PDB file of N, CA and C in Angstrom:
ATOM      1  N   MET A   1      87.626 134.989  90.431  1.00  0.00           N
ATOM      2  CA  MET A   1      88.489 134.173  91.296  1.00  0.00           C
ATOM      3  C   MET A   1      88.846 132.937  90.507  1.00  0.00           C
ATOM      4  N   PRO A   2      87.889 132.209  89.727  1.00  0.00           N
ATOM      5  CA  PRO A   2      88.297 131.040  89.012  1.00  0.00           C
ATOM      6  C   PRO A   2      89.373 131.271  88.004  1.00  0.00           C
ATOM      7  N   ARG A   3      89.311 132.376  87.347  1.00  0.00           N
ATOM      8  CA  ARG A   3      90.218 132.752  86.241  1.00  0.00           C
ATOM      9  C   ARG A   3      91.627 132.881  86.838  1.00  0.00           C
ATOM     10  N   SER A   4      91.732 133.492  88.017  1.00  0.00           N
ATOM     11  CA  SER A   4      93.080 133.801  88.630  1.00  0.00           C
ATOM     12  C   SER A   4      93.573 132.433  89.143  1.00  0.00           C
ATOM     13  N   LEU A   5      92.748 131.363  89.600  1.00  0.00           N
ATOM     14  CA  LEU A   5      93.208 130.148  89.945  1.00  0.00           C
ATOM     15  C   LEU A   5      93.638 129.426  88.715  1.00  0.00           C
ATOM     16  N   ARG A   6      92.976 129.465  87.750  1.00  0.00           N
ATOM     17  CA  ARG A   6      93.374 128.827  86.408  1.00  0.00           C
ATOM     18  C   ARG A   6      94.654 129.383  85.968  1.00  0.00           C
ATOM     19  N   ALA A   7      94.828 130.570  86.018  1.00  0.00           N
ATOM     20  CA  ALA A   7      96.147 131.295  85.600  1.00  0.00           C
ATOM     21  C   ALA A   7      97.258 130.878  86.398  1.00  0.00           C
ATOM     22  N   TRP A   8      96.986 130.825  87.761  1.00  0.00           N
ATOM     23  CA  TRP A   8      98.047 130.332  88.681  1.00  0.00           C
ATOM     24  C   TRP A   8      98.419 128.914  88.381  1.00  0.00           C
ATOM     25  N   TYR A   9      97.356 128.063  88.187  1.00  0.00           N
ATOM     26  CA  TYR A   9      97.726 126.666  87.899  1.00  0.00           C
ATOM     27  C   TYR A   9      98.450 126.521  86.454  1.00  0.00           C
ATOM     28  N   ARG A  10      98.136 127.297  85.626  1.00  0.00           N
ATOM     29  CA  ARG A  10      98.850 127.285  84.305  1.00  0.00           C
ATOM     30  C   ARG A  10     100.262 127.737  84.432  1.00  0.00           C
ATOM     31  N   ARG A  11     100.628 128.530  85.289  1.00  0.00           N
ATOM     32  CA  ARG A  11     101.849 128.998  85.603  1.00  0.00           C
ATOM     33  C   ARG A  11     102.647 127.979  86.459  1.00  0.00           C
ATOM     34  N   ASN A  12     102.170 127.401  87.425  1.00  0.00           N
ATOM     35  CA  ASN A  12     102.643 126.556  88.511  1.00  0.00           C
ATOM     36  C   ASN A  12     102.345 124.960  88.308  1.00  0.00           C
ATOM     37  N   GLY A  13     101.464 124.620  87.421  1.00  0.00           N
ATOM     38  CA  GLY A  13     100.974 123.356  87.412  1.00  0.00           C
ATOM     39  C   GLY A  13     101.976 122.252  87.271  1.00  0.00           C
ATOM     40  N   LYS A  14     102.997 122.460  86.529  1.00  0.00           N
ATOM     41  CA  LYS A  14     104.153 121.508  86.339  1.00  0.00           C
ATOM     42  C   LYS A  14     104.813 121.192  87.738  1.00  0.00           C
ATOM     43  N   TRP A  15     105.073 122.332  88.454  1.00  0.00           N
ATOM     44  CA  TRP A  15     105.880 122.321  89.774  1.00  0.00           C
ATOM     45  C   TRP A  15     104.851 121.680  90.931  1.00  0.00           C
ATOM     46  N   VAL A  16     103.534 121.851  90.754  1.00  0.00           N
ATOM     47  CA  VAL A  16     102.642 121.228  91.665  1.00  0.00           C
ATOM     48  C   VAL A  16     102.700 119.692  91.653  1.00  0.00           C
ATOM     49  N   ILE A  17     102.670 119.253  90.281  1.00  0.00           N
ATOM     50  CA  ILE A  17     102.650 117.856  90.043  1.00  0.00           C
ATOM     51  C   ILE A  17     104.016 117.233  90.482  1.00  0.00           C
ATOM     52  N   VAL A  18     105.070 117.968  90.120  1.00  0.00           N
ATOM     53  CA  VAL A  18     106.385 117.512  90.565  1.00  0.00           C
ATOM     54  C   VAL A  18     106.364 117.352  92.041  1.00  0.00           C
ATOM     55  N   MET A  19     106.021 118.139  92.805  1.00  0.00           N
ATOM     56  CA  MET A  19     106.014 118.210  94.276  1.00  0.00           C
ATOM     57  C   MET A  19     105.078 117.088  94.792  1.00  0.00           C
ATOM     58  N   LEU A  20     104.056 116.795  94.083  1.00  0.00           N
ATOM     59  CA  LEU A  20     103.144 115.732  94.606  1.00  0.00           C
ATOM     60  C   LEU A  20     103.874 114.344  94.458  1.00  0.00           C
ATOM     61  N   VAL A  21     104.473 114.188  93.221  1.00  0.00           N
ATOM     62  CA  VAL A  21     105.275 112.977  92.995  1.00  0.00           C
ATOM     63  C   VAL A  21     106.377 112.740  93.925  1.00  0.00           C
ATOM     64  N   VAL A  22     107.176 113.929  94.181  1.00  0.00           N
ATOM     65  CA  VAL A  22     108.212 113.862  95.222  1.00  0.00           C
ATOM     66  C   VAL A  22     107.726 113.372  96.503  1.00  0.00           C
ATOM     67  N   SER A  23     106.612 113.945  96.976  1.00  0.00           N
ATOM     68  CA  SER A  23     105.986 113.642  98.226  1.00  0.00           C
ATOM     69  C   SER A  23     105.640 112.212  98.333  1.00  0.00           C
ATOM     70  N   LEU A  24     104.945 111.680  97.400  1.00  0.00           N
ATOM     71  CA  LEU A  24     104.583 110.280  97.244  1.00  0.00           C
ATOM     72  C   LEU A  24     105.708 109.388  97.322  1.00  0.00           C
ATOM     73  N   ILE A  25     106.780 109.624  96.550  1.00  0.00           N
ATOM     74  CA  ILE A  25     108.004 108.874  96.584  1.00  0.00           C
ATOM     75  C   ILE A  25     108.727 108.847  98.040  1.00  0.00           C
ATOM     76  N   GLY A  26     108.775 110.149  98.605  1.00  0.00           N
ATOM     77  CA  GLY A  26     109.244 110.243  99.953  1.00  0.00           C
ATOM     78  C   GLY A  26     108.420 109.428 101.102  1.00  0.00           C
ATOM     79  N   ALA A  27     107.125 109.376 100.868  1.00  0.00           N
ATOM     80  CA  ALA A  27     106.188 108.692 101.811  1.00  0.00           C
ATOM     81  C   ALA A  27     106.571 107.129 101.634  1.00  0.00           C
ATOM     82  N   GLY A  28     106.738 106.759 100.328  1.00  0.00           N
ATOM     83  CA  GLY A  28     106.950 105.329 100.133  1.00  0.00           C
ATOM     84  C   GLY A  28     108.365 104.892 100.684  1.00  0.00           C
ATOM     85  N   ILE A  29     109.336 105.647 100.572  1.00  0.00           N
ATOM     86  CA  ILE A  29     110.644 105.477 101.230  1.00  0.00           C
ATOM     87  C   ILE A  29     110.475 105.329 102.684  1.00  0.00           C
ATOM     88  N   VAL A  30     109.871 106.262 103.242  1.00  0.00           N
ATOM     89  CA  VAL A  30     109.661 106.235 104.762  1.00  0.00           C
ATOM     90  C   VAL A  30     108.848 104.995 105.171  1.00  0.00           C
ATOM     91  N   LEU A  31     107.840 104.623 104.489  1.00  0.00           N
ATOM     92  CA  LEU A  31     107.210 103.265 104.855  1.00  0.00           C
ATOM     93  C   LEU A  31     108.157 102.056 104.741  1.00  0.00           C
ATOM     94  N   VAL A  32     108.937 101.970 103.667  1.00  0.00           N
ATOM     95  CA  VAL A  32     109.819 100.905 103.487  1.00  0.00           C
ATOM     96  C   VAL A  32     110.904 100.874 104.659  1.00  0.00           C
ATOM     97  N   LEU A  33     111.455 102.025 104.860  1.00  0.00           N
ATOM     98  CA  LEU A  33     112.607 102.021 105.888  1.00  0.00           C
ATOM     99  C   LEU A  33     111.989 101.786 107.269  1.00  0.00           C
ATOM    100  N   ARG A  34     110.843 102.177 107.634  1.00  0.00           N
ATOM    101  CA  ARG A  34     110.174 101.984 108.788  1.00  0.00           C
ATOM    102  C   ARG A  34     109.981 100.561 109.052  1.00  0.00           C
ATOM    103  N   SER A  35     109.395  99.831 107.880  1.00  0.00           N
ATOM    104  CA  SER A  35     109.198  98.378 108.120  1.00  0.00           C
ATOM    105  C   SER A  35     110.451  97.652 108.344  1.00  0.00           C
ATOM    106  N   VAL A  36     111.597  98.126 107.725  1.00  0.00           N
ATOM    107  CA  VAL A  36     112.925  97.464 107.863  1.00  0.00           C
ATOM    108  C   VAL A  36     113.389  97.619 109.255  1.00  0.00           C
ATOM    109  N   TYR A  37     113.347  98.778 109.825  1.00  0.00           N
ATOM    110  CA  TYR A  37     114.000  99.121 111.106  1.00  0.00           C
ATOM    111  C   TYR A  37     113.070  98.612 112.236  1.00  0.00           C
ATOM    112  N   GLU A  38     111.748  98.450 112.070  1.00  0.00           N
ATOM    113  CA  GLU A  38     110.922  97.857 113.015  1.00  0.00           C
ATOM    114  C   GLU A  38     110.844  96.464 113.154  1.00  0.00           C
ATOM    115  N   TYR A  39     111.515  95.694 112.229  1.00  0.00           N
ATOM    116  CA  TYR A  39     111.417  94.239 112.309  1.00  0.00           C
ATOM    117  C   TYR A  39     112.181  93.661 113.437  1.00  0.00           C
ATOM    118  N   VAL A  40     111.471  93.010 114.196  1.00  0.00           N
ATOM    119  CA  VAL A  40     111.902  92.318 115.393  1.00  0.00           C
ATOM    120  C   VAL A  40     111.755  90.871 115.297  1.00  0.00           C
ATOM    121  N   PRO A  41     112.747  90.075 115.089  1.00  0.00           N
ATOM    122  CA  PRO A  41     112.664  88.547 114.784  1.00  0.00           C
ATOM    123  C   PRO A  41     111.997  87.948 116.062  1.00  0.00           C
ATOM    124  N   GLY A  42     112.216  88.499 117.219  1.00  0.00           N
ATOM    125  CA  GLY A  42     111.688  87.759 118.347  1.00  0.00           C
ATOM    126  C   GLY A  42     110.142  87.627 118.408  1.00  0.00           C
ATOM    127  N   HIS A  43     109.401  88.506 117.657  1.00  0.00           N
ATOM    128  CA  HIS A  43     107.980  88.482 117.615  1.00  0.00           C
ATOM    129  C   HIS A  43     107.509  87.278 116.771  1.00  0.00           C
ATOM    130  N   TYR A  44     108.295  86.645 116.025  1.00  0.00           N
ATOM    131  CA  TYR A  44     107.960  85.730 115.156  1.00  0.00           C
ATOM    132  C   TYR A  44     108.369  84.310 115.605  1.00  0.00           C
ATOM    133  N   GLU A  45     107.519  83.313 115.402  1.00  0.00           N
ATOM    134  CA  GLU A  45     107.783  82.005 115.904  1.00  0.00           C
ATOM    135  C   GLU A  45     108.793  81.356 114.935  1.00  0.00           C
ATOM    136  N   PRO A  46     109.778  80.667 115.755  1.00  0.00           N
ATOM    137  CA  PRO A  46     110.814  79.982 115.023  1.00  0.00           C
ATOM    138  C   PRO A  46     110.228  78.725 114.270  1.00  0.00           C
ATOM    139  N   LYS A  47     110.732  78.454 113.122  1.00  0.00           N
ATOM    140  CA  LYS A  47     110.146  77.466 112.194  1.00  0.00           C
ATOM    141  C   LYS A  47     110.996  75.938 112.516  1.00  0.00           C
ATOM    142  N   ASP A  48     111.909  75.937 113.342  1.00  0.00           N
ATOM    143  CA  ASP A  48     112.861  74.784 113.421  1.00  0.00           C
ATOM    144  C   ASP A  48     112.326  73.854 114.323  1.00  0.00           C
ATOM    145  N   ILE A  49     111.388  74.210 115.319  1.00  0.00           N
ATOM    146  CA  ILE A  49     110.827  73.396 116.215  1.00  0.00           C
ATOM    147  C   ILE A  49     109.228  73.181 115.898  1.00  0.00           C
ATOM    148  N   PRO A  50     108.738  72.017 116.256  1.00  0.00           N
ATOM    149  CA  PRO A  50     107.264  71.854 115.873  1.00  0.00           C
ATOM    150  C   PRO A  50     106.367  72.792 116.795  1.00  0.00           C
ATOM    151  N   ARG A  51     105.215  72.843 116.168  1.00  0.00           N
ATOM    152  CA  ARG A  51     104.262  73.989 116.942  1.00  0.00           C
ATOM    153  C   ARG A  51     103.909  73.524 118.308  1.00  0.00           C
ATOM    154  N   GLY A  52     103.749  72.156 118.500  1.00  0.00           N
ATOM    155  CA  GLY A  52     103.370  71.695 119.869  1.00  0.00           C
ATOM    156  C   GLY A  52     104.468  72.034 120.807  1.00  0.00           C
ATOM    157  N   GLN A  53     105.782  71.991 120.614  1.00  0.00           N
ATOM    158  CA  GLN A  53     106.772  72.239 121.384  1.00  0.00           C
ATOM    159  C   GLN A  53     106.740  73.748 121.712  1.00  0.00           C
ATOM    160  N   GLN A  54     106.537  74.568 120.648  1.00  0.00           N
ATOM    161  CA  GLN A  54     106.482  76.037 120.742  1.00  0.00           C
ATOM    162  C   GLN A  54     105.351  76.394 121.862  1.00  0.00           C
ATOM    163  N   LEU A  55     104.278  75.880 121.770  1.00  0.00           N
ATOM    164  CA  LEU A  55     103.126  76.127 122.553  1.00  0.00           C
ATOM    165  C   LEU A  55     103.541  75.733 124.092  1.00  0.00           C
ATOM    166  N   GLU A  56     104.139  74.519 124.178  1.00  0.00           N
ATOM    167  CA  GLU A  56     104.557  74.093 125.609  1.00  0.00           C
ATOM    168  C   GLU A  56     105.518  75.034 126.241  1.00  0.00           C
ATOM    169  N   GLN A  57     106.524  75.630 125.342  1.00  0.00           N
ATOM    170  CA  GLN A  57     107.397  76.470 125.938  1.00  0.00           C
ATOM    171  C   GLN A  57     106.859  77.825 126.365  1.00  0.00           C
ATOM    172  N   LYS A  58     105.804  78.244 125.525  1.00  0.00           N
ATOM    173  CA  LYS A  58     105.099  79.544 125.901  1.00  0.00           C
ATOM    174  C   LYS A  58     104.422  79.308 127.155  1.00  0.00           C
ATOM    175  N   GLU A  59     103.747  78.110 127.288  1.00  0.00           N
ATOM    176  CA  GLU A  59     102.989  78.058 128.631  1.00  0.00           C
ATOM    177  C   GLU A  59     103.883  77.881 129.773  1.00  0.00           C
ATOM    178  N   ARG A  60     105.122  77.300 129.582  1.00  0.00           N
ATOM    179  CA  ARG A  60     106.052  77.198 130.758  1.00  0.00           C
ATOM    180  C   ARG A  60     106.519  78.651 131.085  1.00  0.00           C
ATOM    181  N   LYS A  61     106.754  79.516 130.058  1.00  0.00           N
ATOM    182  CA  LYS A  61     107.130  80.901 130.353  1.00  0.00           C
ATOM    183  C   LYS A  61     106.128  81.636 131.004  1.00  0.00           C
ATOM    184  N   GLN A  62     104.914  81.421 130.736  1.00  0.00           N
ATOM    185  CA  GLN A  62     103.814  82.239 131.372  1.00  0.00           C
ATOM    186  C   GLN A  62     103.551  81.797 132.827  1.00  0.00           C
ATOM    187  N   GLN A  63     103.912  80.641 133.254  1.00  0.00           N
ATOM    188  CA  GLN A  63     103.653  80.147 134.509  1.00  0.00           C
ATOM    189  C   GLN A  63     104.730  80.618 135.563  1.00  0.00           C
TER     190      GLN A  63
END
């Protein structure tokens, strides 16, 4: 059994490595695109008004 596995790997090792690299690159692309399309600016606090005013506005909205 180990000899046949080694023989198979010798024949196909290059393609196994190529497919692993392609899979890792694809996963990286998916993660980057997912972070771009899930970006919602409303979840982040605006920086043009002071923190105290932001908290007051949040409290008014919750009431």
